[in-house]
Amino acid sequence: MDKRKYKLKLFGNKDLPSYLLEKNNVIRMILFTTVYSLVFINIFRPFNSETWIPNNNSTNYVTYSSLMVLIGMFVVSLSRVLMHYVVKKVQLTFPDYLLWLVSDAVIVSIFYVFIAYKVGFVDNYLSNNPNVTLWDALFTIFRKATANTVWMLLIPYTISLLFLDNQHLKTRIQEIGDRVPESNIVHFKDEKGEIRLSINVENVLYAEAADNYVIIKYINNDKLVDFFLRTNLKKLSDDLRDTPIQRCHRSFMINLIHVTSLKKDQTEFIIQFDTTSIKDITVSKTYQEAIMEAFMKYQK
């Protein structure tokens, strides 16, 4: 067991995403739910809620309904404060979090029943329904209040969760995009720009021109494999300019990750790889300076 946090796991093992507990996201969720609930109850007036208020008129309804919503959101806000302290000791799972949201609706409904009792609405309900007992009246009001509260909270909660999840996903995609130059995957595109081979850069050894094709030499299951790509080295070198696979000759591109040294032989450098299964490849004079700079950059 984690000594810092006890994992509740009442209804599953899926951990609660941390972004749902961030202060700004909690505040945004409560504010959106409040605005939605005010609009929802005053425009749609669900479950004949306008009949719940004695001596009802439009002004009274807006006043009472808005007050009920604000009281409900106050209760929800207190619930979030409590959750803030609970998660310091207990690690909630996602199902636990959903149960907490359902509990919000039940607790808010209980508050509504209590207020209805204090303001005399229960007495008014009993006078209009003489055959109903006090407990039947309380249960009926609680049932209607729960249904009303669930609909007022369910839709904005669902929208908020989807929105926050989408924002989190966009942030993650942006973070991945920012790390693209450091990615271990390289994509080999054909002459039309379509990706034909995606592979871990460390598995690529070199590329060799062959008429209208480029032969990609790479390791697969500890074997040297050829992949024929319909393109030319000029286009391929442009596509891979930000990778360790660099052009060193009019007929070759090499993966500098696998280069152990550059040996000078008269006017050319000879590539020495970290494997003996590759034939000697030279660096022509045109590419010597660029290869030297890239070699220093990509050596681990």
Foldseek 3Di string as FASTA:
>chain_A
DDPFAAEDQPDHDAFDPCLCLDPVLVVVLLVLLLVLQLCCCLPVVPPVVQVLDPPGDSVVSSVVSNVLSVVLSVLVVVLSVVVNVNCSHYGYHPVSVVVSLLVSLLVSLVVVLVVCVVVCSLVVVCVVPVVDDSVRSSVVSSVVSSVSSCVSNVVSVVVSVVVSVVVVVVVVVVVVVVCVLVDQWAFFAAPVRHTDDIDGLVQWFKWFDDVQWIWTWGDDPNDTDTDTGRHAPVVRQVRCVSAQFHDQDRTMTGRLQQFPDWPDDPQWTWTDGVDPPDDIDIGHPVCVVVNVVSNVVPYD
